[in-house]
Amino acid sequence: MRFHTRKWVKPEDLNPNRSLFGGRLLEWIDEEAALYAIIQLENEHTVTKYMSEINFMSSAKQGDIIEIGIEVISFGTTSVTLKCKARNKMTREIILTIDKIVLVALDEEGRPKPHGKTEVEFVRERLKDDSEE
């Protein structure tokens, strides 16, 4: 799993117990998953359709650095399915896992749109292909 994003836990991210508010972490994950899917599917009109069970395994406190990891499970006709882990950067302790996040590519009218993707592509590979022409 590749860990793409780091977030620093700040005072505004805390719940009344002075630990990281789970909703804030889910917001970060949803944004990271959406950005990942938009880049993979090459479609800025991509939305979250589904998240499976969310398993909170540990907590984080102010000052901790959180890493968010995303991995592709599969590509559908109009969707991509990801899994996610969030962990403490310094201790590597897993904070949260999500087994399945489904994101769907849409057309301009908001209907599912086939994307034609079947495997993970890296931007550097796309740029290389463009420069060779």
N, C-alpha and C. Protein backbone atom coordinates (compact mmCIF):
# COMPACT_ATOMS: atom_id res chain seq x y z
N MET A 1 0.85 -1.18 0.00
CA MET A 1 0.00 0.00 0.00
C MET A 1 0.89 1.24 0.00
N ARG A 2 0.53 2.18 -0.85
CA ARG A 2 1.27 3.44 -0.91
C ARG A 2 0.59 4.47 -0.02
N PHE A 3 1.38 5.15 0.78
CA PHE A 3 0.88 6.18 1.67
C PHE A 3 1.17 7.53 1.02
N HIS A 4 0.10 8.16 0.49
CA HIS A 4 0.23 9.35 -0.35
C HIS A 4 0.18 10.66 0.42
N THR A 5 -0.56 10.68 1.51
CA THR A 5 -0.86 11.94 2.17
C THR A 5 -0.48 11.88 3.64
N ARG A 6 -0.01 13.01 4.13
CA ARG A 6 0.26 13.15 5.56
C ARG A 6 -0.57 14.32 6.08
N LYS A 7 -1.13 14.13 7.25
CA LYS A 7 -1.90 15.17 7.92
C LYS A 7 -1.36 15.34 9.33
N TRP A 8 -1.28 16.57 9.75
CA TRP A 8 -0.80 16.90 11.09
C TRP A 8 -2.03 17.16 11.95
N VAL A 9 -2.16 16.46 13.06
CA VAL A 9 -3.31 16.61 13.93
C VAL A 9 -3.16 17.91 14.72
N LYS A 10 -4.09 18.84 14.48
CA LYS A 10 -4.07 20.17 15.09
C LYS A 10 -5.21 20.29 16.10
N PRO A 11 -5.20 21.32 16.93
CA PRO A 11 -6.26 21.47 17.95
C PRO A 11 -7.68 21.42 17.38
N GLU A 12 -7.88 21.98 16.20
CA GLU A 12 -9.23 22.00 15.61
C GLU A 12 -9.69 20.62 15.12
N ASP A 13 -8.79 19.63 15.12
CA ASP A 13 -9.12 18.27 14.68
C ASP A 13 -9.52 17.35 15.83
N LEU A 14 -9.52 17.88 17.06
CA LEU A 14 -9.74 17.06 18.24
C LEU A 14 -11.21 17.00 18.66
N ASN A 15 -11.57 15.89 19.28
CA ASN A 15 -12.90 15.72 19.86
C ASN A 15 -12.84 16.12 21.34
N PRO A 16 -13.96 16.06 22.08
CA PRO A 16 -13.93 16.44 23.50
C PRO A 16 -12.98 15.60 24.37
N ASN A 17 -12.58 14.41 23.87
CA ASN A 17 -11.61 13.58 24.60
C ASN A 17 -10.16 13.97 24.31
N ARG A 18 -9.98 15.02 23.50
CA ARG A 18 -8.67 15.52 23.12
C ARG A 18 -7.88 14.54 22.26
N SER A 19 -8.63 13.69 21.54
CA SER A 19 -8.02 12.81 20.53
C SER A 19 -8.61 13.17 19.18
N LEU A 20 -8.03 12.63 18.12
CA LEU A 20 -8.48 12.95 16.77
C LEU A 20 -9.94 12.57 16.58
N PHE A 21 -10.75 13.51 16.14
CA PHE A 21 -12.16 13.29 15.85
C PHE A 21 -12.26 12.37 14.64
N GLY A 22 -12.98 11.25 14.78
CA GLY A 22 -13.10 10.27 13.71
C GLY A 22 -13.67 10.86 12.43
N GLY A 23 -14.61 11.79 12.56
CA GLY A 23 -15.20 12.43 11.39
C GLY A 23 -14.18 13.22 10.59
N ARG A 24 -13.23 13.84 11.28
CA ARG A 24 -12.17 14.58 10.58
C ARG A 24 -11.30 13.61 9.78
N LEU A 25 -10.94 12.49 10.40
CA LEU A 25 -10.13 11.49 9.69
C LEU A 25 -10.89 10.97 8.47
N LEU A 26 -12.18 10.70 8.62
CA LEU A 26 -12.98 10.23 7.48
C LEU A 26 -13.06 11.29 6.38
N GLU A 27 -13.14 12.56 6.75
CA GLU A 27 -13.11 13.64 5.77
C GLU A 27 -11.81 13.61 4.97
N TRP A 28 -10.69 13.46 5.68
CA TRP A 28 -9.38 13.40 5.01
C TRP A 28 -9.31 12.21 4.07
N ILE A 29 -9.82 11.06 4.52
CA ILE A 29 -9.78 9.84 3.71
C ILE A 29 -10.67 9.99 2.48
N ASP A 30 -11.87 10.53 2.64
CA ASP A 30 -12.77 10.70 1.50
C ASP A 30 -12.14 11.62 0.46
N GLU A 31 -11.51 12.68 0.92
CA GLU A 31 -10.85 13.60 -0.02
C GLU A 31 -9.69 12.90 -0.72
N GLU A 32 -8.87 12.18 0.01
CA GLU A 32 -7.73 11.48 -0.59
C GLU A 32 -8.19 10.43 -1.59
N ALA A 33 -9.23 9.66 -1.23
CA ALA A 33 -9.77 8.65 -2.14
C ALA A 33 -10.31 9.30 -3.41
N ALA A 34 -11.01 10.42 -3.25
CA ALA A 34 -11.56 11.12 -4.42
C ALA A 34 -10.44 11.63 -5.32
N LEU A 35 -9.43 12.25 -4.75
CA LEU A 35 -8.31 12.75 -5.56
C LEU A 35 -7.62 11.60 -6.29
N TYR A 36 -7.40 10.50 -5.58
CA TYR A 36 -6.76 9.33 -6.18
C TYR A 36 -7.59 8.82 -7.36
N ALA A 37 -8.91 8.68 -7.15
CA ALA A 37 -9.79 8.18 -8.20
C ALA A 37 -9.87 9.15 -9.39
N ILE A 38 -9.93 10.43 -9.12
CA ILE A 38 -9.98 11.43 -10.20
C ILE A 38 -8.74 11.31 -11.08
N ILE A 39 -7.59 11.15 -10.46
CA ILE A 39 -6.34 11.02 -11.23
C ILE A 39 -6.32 9.70 -11.99
N GLN A 40 -6.71 8.60 -11.35
CA GLN A 40 -6.71 7.31 -12.02
C GLN A 40 -7.70 7.25 -13.17
N LEU A 41 -8.90 7.77 -12.95
CA LEU A 41 -9.96 7.67 -13.96
C LEU A 41 -9.92 8.82 -14.97
N GLU A 42 -9.06 9.80 -14.69
CA GLU A 42 -8.92 10.99 -15.55
C GLU A 42 -10.29 11.64 -15.77
N ASN A 43 -11.02 11.80 -14.65
CA ASN A 43 -12.35 12.40 -14.71
C ASN A 43 -12.59 13.16 -13.42
N GLU A 44 -12.68 14.49 -13.53
CA GLU A 44 -12.90 15.31 -12.33
C GLU A 44 -14.31 15.16 -11.75
N HIS A 45 -15.20 14.55 -12.51
CA HIS A 45 -16.58 14.31 -12.05
C HIS A 45 -16.66 12.89 -11.47
N THR A 46 -15.97 12.67 -10.39
CA THR A 46 -15.92 11.36 -9.73
C THR A 46 -16.42 11.54 -8.30
N VAL A 47 -17.30 10.64 -7.86
CA VAL A 47 -17.92 10.77 -6.54
C VAL A 47 -17.80 9.47 -5.75
N THR A 48 -17.85 9.61 -4.43
CA THR A 48 -17.86 8.44 -3.54
C THR A 48 -19.26 7.86 -3.55
N LYS A 49 -19.34 6.56 -3.81
CA LYS A 49 -20.63 5.87 -3.80
C LYS A 49 -20.82 5.05 -2.53
N TYR A 50 -19.73 4.45 -2.02
CA TYR A 50 -19.88 3.48 -0.94
C TYR A 50 -18.58 3.39 -0.13
N MET A 51 -18.75 3.25 1.18
CA MET A 51 -17.65 2.90 2.07
C MET A 51 -18.12 1.72 2.91
N SER A 52 -17.28 0.70 2.99
CA SER A 52 -17.62 -0.46 3.81
C SER A 52 -17.39 -0.14 5.28
N GLU A 53 -17.46 -1.16 6.09
CA GLU A 53 -17.22 -1.00 7.53
C GLU A 53 -15.91 -0.26 7.78
N ILE A 54 -15.97 0.66 8.70
CA ILE A 54 -14.81 1.45 9.10
C ILE A 54 -14.34 0.91 10.44
N ASN A 55 -13.10 0.50 10.52
CA ASN A 55 -12.57 -0.13 11.72
C ASN A 55 -11.55 0.80 12.38
N PHE A 56 -11.96 1.47 13.46
CA PHE A 56 -11.04 2.30 14.23
C PHE A 56 -10.26 1.38 15.16
N MET A 57 -8.94 1.38 15.03
CA MET A 57 -8.10 0.46 15.78
C MET A 57 -7.30 1.14 16.89
N SER A 58 -7.00 2.40 16.72
CA SER A 58 -6.29 3.17 17.74
C SER A 58 -6.63 4.63 17.54
N SER A 59 -6.03 5.49 18.32
CA SER A 59 -6.35 6.90 18.28
C SER A 59 -5.11 7.71 17.91
N ALA A 60 -5.31 8.99 17.76
CA ALA A 60 -4.20 9.91 17.53
C ALA A 60 -4.45 11.14 18.38
N LYS A 61 -3.38 11.84 18.70
CA LYS A 61 -3.51 13.02 19.54
C LYS A 61 -2.89 14.22 18.84
N GLN A 62 -3.11 15.38 19.42
CA GLN A 62 -2.57 16.61 18.85
C GLN A 62 -1.07 16.47 18.66
N GLY A 63 -0.60 16.89 17.50
CA GLY A 63 0.82 16.83 17.17
C GLY A 63 1.22 15.58 16.40
N ASP A 64 0.38 14.54 16.43
CA ASP A 64 0.70 13.33 15.66
C ASP A 64 0.63 13.63 14.16
N ILE A 65 1.40 12.89 13.40
CA ILE A 65 1.35 12.97 11.94
C ILE A 65 0.71 11.68 11.45
N ILE A 66 -0.36 11.85 10.69
CA ILE A 66 -1.14 10.72 10.19
C ILE A 66 -0.82 10.52 8.72
N GLU A 67 -0.59 9.27 8.32
CA GLU A 67 -0.42 8.94 6.91
C GLU A 67 -1.67 8.21 6.43
N ILE A 68 -2.08 8.52 5.21
CA ILE A 68 -3.24 7.87 4.61
C ILE A 68 -2.76 7.07 3.41
N GLY A 69 -3.03 5.77 3.44
CA GLY A 69 -2.64 4.88 2.35
C GLY A 69 -3.85 4.41 1.57
N ILE A 70 -3.69 4.37 0.26
CA ILE A 70 -4.76 3.96 -0.65
C ILE A 70 -4.20 2.89 -1.57
N GLU A 71 -5.03 1.88 -1.85
CA GLU A 71 -4.65 0.83 -2.80
C GLU A 71 -5.87 0.45 -3.63
N VAL A 72 -5.66 0.23 -4.92
CA VAL A 72 -6.75 -0.19 -5.80
C VAL A 72 -7.01 -1.67 -5.61
N ILE A 73 -8.28 -2.02 -5.41
CA ILE A 73 -8.70 -3.42 -5.36
C ILE A 73 -9.13 -3.87 -6.74
N SER A 74 -9.96 -3.04 -7.41
CA SER A 74 -10.44 -3.43 -8.74
C SER A 74 -11.00 -2.22 -9.47
N PHE A 75 -11.13 -2.39 -10.79
CA PHE A 75 -11.79 -1.41 -11.65
C PHE A 75 -13.07 -2.03 -12.15
N GLY A 76 -14.16 -1.27 -12.08
CA GLY A 76 -15.42 -1.65 -12.70
C GLY A 76 -15.56 -0.89 -13.99
N THR A 77 -16.71 -0.99 -14.62
CA THR A 77 -16.95 -0.27 -15.88
C THR A 77 -16.95 1.23 -15.67
N THR A 78 -17.60 1.69 -14.60
CA THR A 78 -17.69 3.13 -14.31
C THR A 78 -17.04 3.48 -12.98
N SER A 79 -16.49 2.49 -12.28
CA SER A 79 -16.02 2.71 -10.91
C SER A 79 -14.59 2.22 -10.70
N VAL A 80 -14.07 2.61 -9.55
CA VAL A 80 -12.83 2.05 -9.04
C VAL A 80 -13.08 1.74 -7.56
N THR A 81 -12.58 0.60 -7.11
CA THR A 81 -12.74 0.20 -5.72
C THR A 81 -11.37 0.23 -5.06
N LEU A 82 -11.30 0.93 -3.92
CA LEU A 82 -10.06 1.14 -3.19
C LEU A 82 -10.17 0.54 -1.80
N LYS A 83 -9.02 0.35 -1.16
CA LYS A 83 -8.99 0.09 0.28
C LYS A 83 -8.06 1.12 0.89
N CYS A 84 -8.19 1.31 2.20
CA CYS A 84 -7.47 2.40 2.85
C CYS A 84 -6.99 2.00 4.24
N LYS A 85 -5.85 2.55 4.61
CA LYS A 85 -5.35 2.48 5.97
C LYS A 85 -4.87 3.87 6.35
N ALA A 86 -5.09 4.22 7.61
CA ALA A 86 -4.50 5.43 8.17
C ALA A 86 -3.63 4.97 9.32
N ARG A 87 -2.43 5.52 9.41
CA ARG A 87 -1.51 5.11 10.47
C ARG A 87 -0.74 6.32 10.99
N ASN A 88 -0.18 6.14 12.17
CA ASN A 88 0.68 7.14 12.78
C ASN A 88 2.03 7.07 12.08
N LYS A 89 2.48 8.16 11.51
CA LYS A 89 3.73 8.20 10.75
C LYS A 89 4.92 7.78 11.59
N MET A 90 4.97 8.22 12.84
CA MET A 90 6.15 7.97 13.66
C MET A 90 6.17 6.55 14.25
N THR A 91 5.02 6.06 14.69
CA THR A 91 4.99 4.74 15.35
C THR A 91 4.57 3.62 14.41
N ARG A 92 3.99 3.97 13.26
CA ARG A 92 3.43 3.01 12.28
C ARG A 92 2.21 2.27 12.81
N GLU A 93 1.67 2.70 13.95
CA GLU A 93 0.48 2.08 14.50
C GLU A 93 -0.72 2.40 13.62
N ILE A 94 -1.48 1.36 13.27
CA ILE A 94 -2.67 1.53 12.44
C ILE A 94 -3.76 2.20 13.27
N ILE A 95 -4.33 3.26 12.72
CA ILE A 95 -5.41 4.00 13.38
C ILE A 95 -6.76 3.54 12.85
N LEU A 96 -6.84 3.28 11.57
CA LEU A 96 -8.13 2.96 10.94
C LEU A 96 -7.89 2.15 9.69
N THR A 97 -8.83 1.24 9.37
CA THR A 97 -8.84 0.54 8.09
C THR A 97 -10.24 0.63 7.49
N ILE A 98 -10.28 0.69 6.18
CA ILE A 98 -11.53 0.60 5.42
C ILE A 98 -11.25 -0.39 4.29
N ASP A 99 -12.01 -1.47 4.26
CA ASP A 99 -11.77 -2.53 3.28
C ASP A 99 -12.21 -2.16 1.88
N LYS A 100 -13.23 -1.30 1.75
CA LYS A 100 -13.76 -1.01 0.42
C LYS A 100 -14.33 0.40 0.35
N ILE A 101 -13.82 1.17 -0.60
CA ILE A 101 -14.35 2.48 -0.94
C ILE A 101 -14.60 2.46 -2.44
N VAL A 102 -15.84 2.66 -2.86
CA VAL A 102 -16.18 2.65 -4.28
C VAL A 102 -16.43 4.08 -4.73
N LEU A 103 -15.74 4.47 -5.79
CA LEU A 103 -15.92 5.78 -6.40
C LEU A 103 -16.35 5.59 -7.85
N VAL A 104 -17.25 6.45 -8.32
CA VAL A 104 -17.84 6.30 -9.65
C VAL A 104 -17.56 7.54 -10.49
N ALA A 105 -17.15 7.31 -11.73
CA ALA A 105 -16.95 8.39 -12.70
C ALA A 105 -18.31 8.78 -13.27
N LEU A 106 -18.55 10.08 -13.39
CA LEU A 106 -19.82 10.59 -13.91
C LEU A 106 -19.61 11.41 -15.18
N ASP A 107 -20.66 11.49 -15.98
CA ASP A 107 -20.63 12.40 -17.12
C ASP A 107 -21.11 13.78 -16.67
N GLU A 108 -21.24 14.72 -17.59
CA GLU A 108 -21.62 16.08 -17.24
C GLU A 108 -23.03 16.19 -16.67
N GLU A 109 -23.87 15.22 -16.94
CA GLU A 109 -25.24 15.21 -16.40
C GLU A 109 -25.35 14.45 -15.09
N GLY A 110 -24.23 13.94 -14.58
CA GLY A 110 -24.24 13.23 -13.30
C GLY A 110 -24.60 11.76 -13.40
N ARG A 111 -24.52 11.18 -14.59
CA ARG A 111 -24.79 9.76 -14.77
C ARG A 111 -23.47 8.99 -14.83
N PRO A 112 -23.45 7.73 -14.35
CA PRO A 112 -22.23 6.93 -14.42
C PRO A 112 -21.70 6.88 -15.86
N LYS A 113 -20.38 7.03 -15.98
CA LYS A 113 -19.74 7.10 -17.30
C LYS A 113 -18.61 6.06 -17.35
N PRO A 114 -18.60 5.19 -18.34
CA PRO A 114 -17.50 4.23 -18.48
C PRO A 114 -16.16 4.96 -18.60
N HIS A 115 -15.15 4.41 -17.95
CA HIS A 115 -13.84 5.07 -17.96
C HIS A 115 -12.78 4.31 -18.76
N GLY A 116 -12.99 3.04 -19.04
CA GLY A 116 -12.05 2.29 -19.87
C GLY A 116 -10.75 1.90 -19.19
N LYS A 117 -10.64 2.08 -17.89
CA LYS A 117 -9.40 1.74 -17.16
C LYS A 117 -9.47 0.31 -16.64
N THR A 118 -8.33 -0.37 -16.65
CA THR A 118 -8.28 -1.74 -16.14
C THR A 118 -7.13 -1.97 -15.17
N GLU A 119 -6.22 -1.01 -15.08
CA GLU A 119 -5.09 -1.15 -14.16
C GLU A 119 -4.60 0.23 -13.73
N VAL A 120 -3.86 0.23 -12.63
CA VAL A 120 -3.32 1.48 -12.09
C VAL A 120 -2.33 2.07 -13.08
N GLU A 121 -2.47 3.36 -13.31
CA GLU A 121 -1.53 4.11 -14.14
C GLU A 121 -0.88 5.19 -13.29
N PHE A 122 0.38 5.44 -13.54
CA PHE A 122 1.09 6.50 -12.85
C PHE A 122 1.22 7.68 -13.80
N VAL A 123 1.08 8.88 -13.27
CA VAL A 123 1.12 10.08 -14.10
C VAL A 123 2.41 10.14 -14.90
N ARG A 124 3.52 9.73 -14.30
CA ARG A 124 4.80 9.78 -15.02
C ARG A 124 4.76 8.91 -16.28
N GLU A 125 3.99 7.81 -16.25
CA GLU A 125 3.86 6.96 -17.44
C GLU A 125 3.04 7.67 -18.51
N ARG A 126 2.00 8.39 -18.11
CA ARG A 126 1.19 9.15 -19.07
C ARG A 126 2.03 10.25 -19.71
N LEU A 127 2.84 10.93 -18.89
CA LEU A 127 3.68 12.01 -19.41
C LEU A 127 4.73 11.47 -20.36
N LYS A 128 5.28 10.32 -20.04
CA LYS A 128 6.28 9.69 -20.90
C LYS A 128 5.66 9.36 -22.25
N ASP A 129 4.45 8.80 -22.23
CA ASP A 129 3.77 8.47 -23.49
C ASP A 129 3.53 9.72 -24.33
N ASP A 130 3.11 10.81 -23.68
CA ASP A 130 2.83 12.05 -24.40
C ASP A 130 4.10 12.64 -25.00
N SER A 131 5.23 12.54 -24.31
CA SER A 131 6.47 13.16 -24.78
C SER A 131 7.10 12.35 -25.91
N GLU A 132 6.72 11.07 -26.03
CA GLU A 132 7.32 10.23 -27.08
C GLU A 132 6.66 10.46 -28.44
N GLU A 133 5.51 11.12 -28.46
CA GLU A 133 4.79 11.30 -29.73
C GLU A 133 5.37 12.43 -30.53
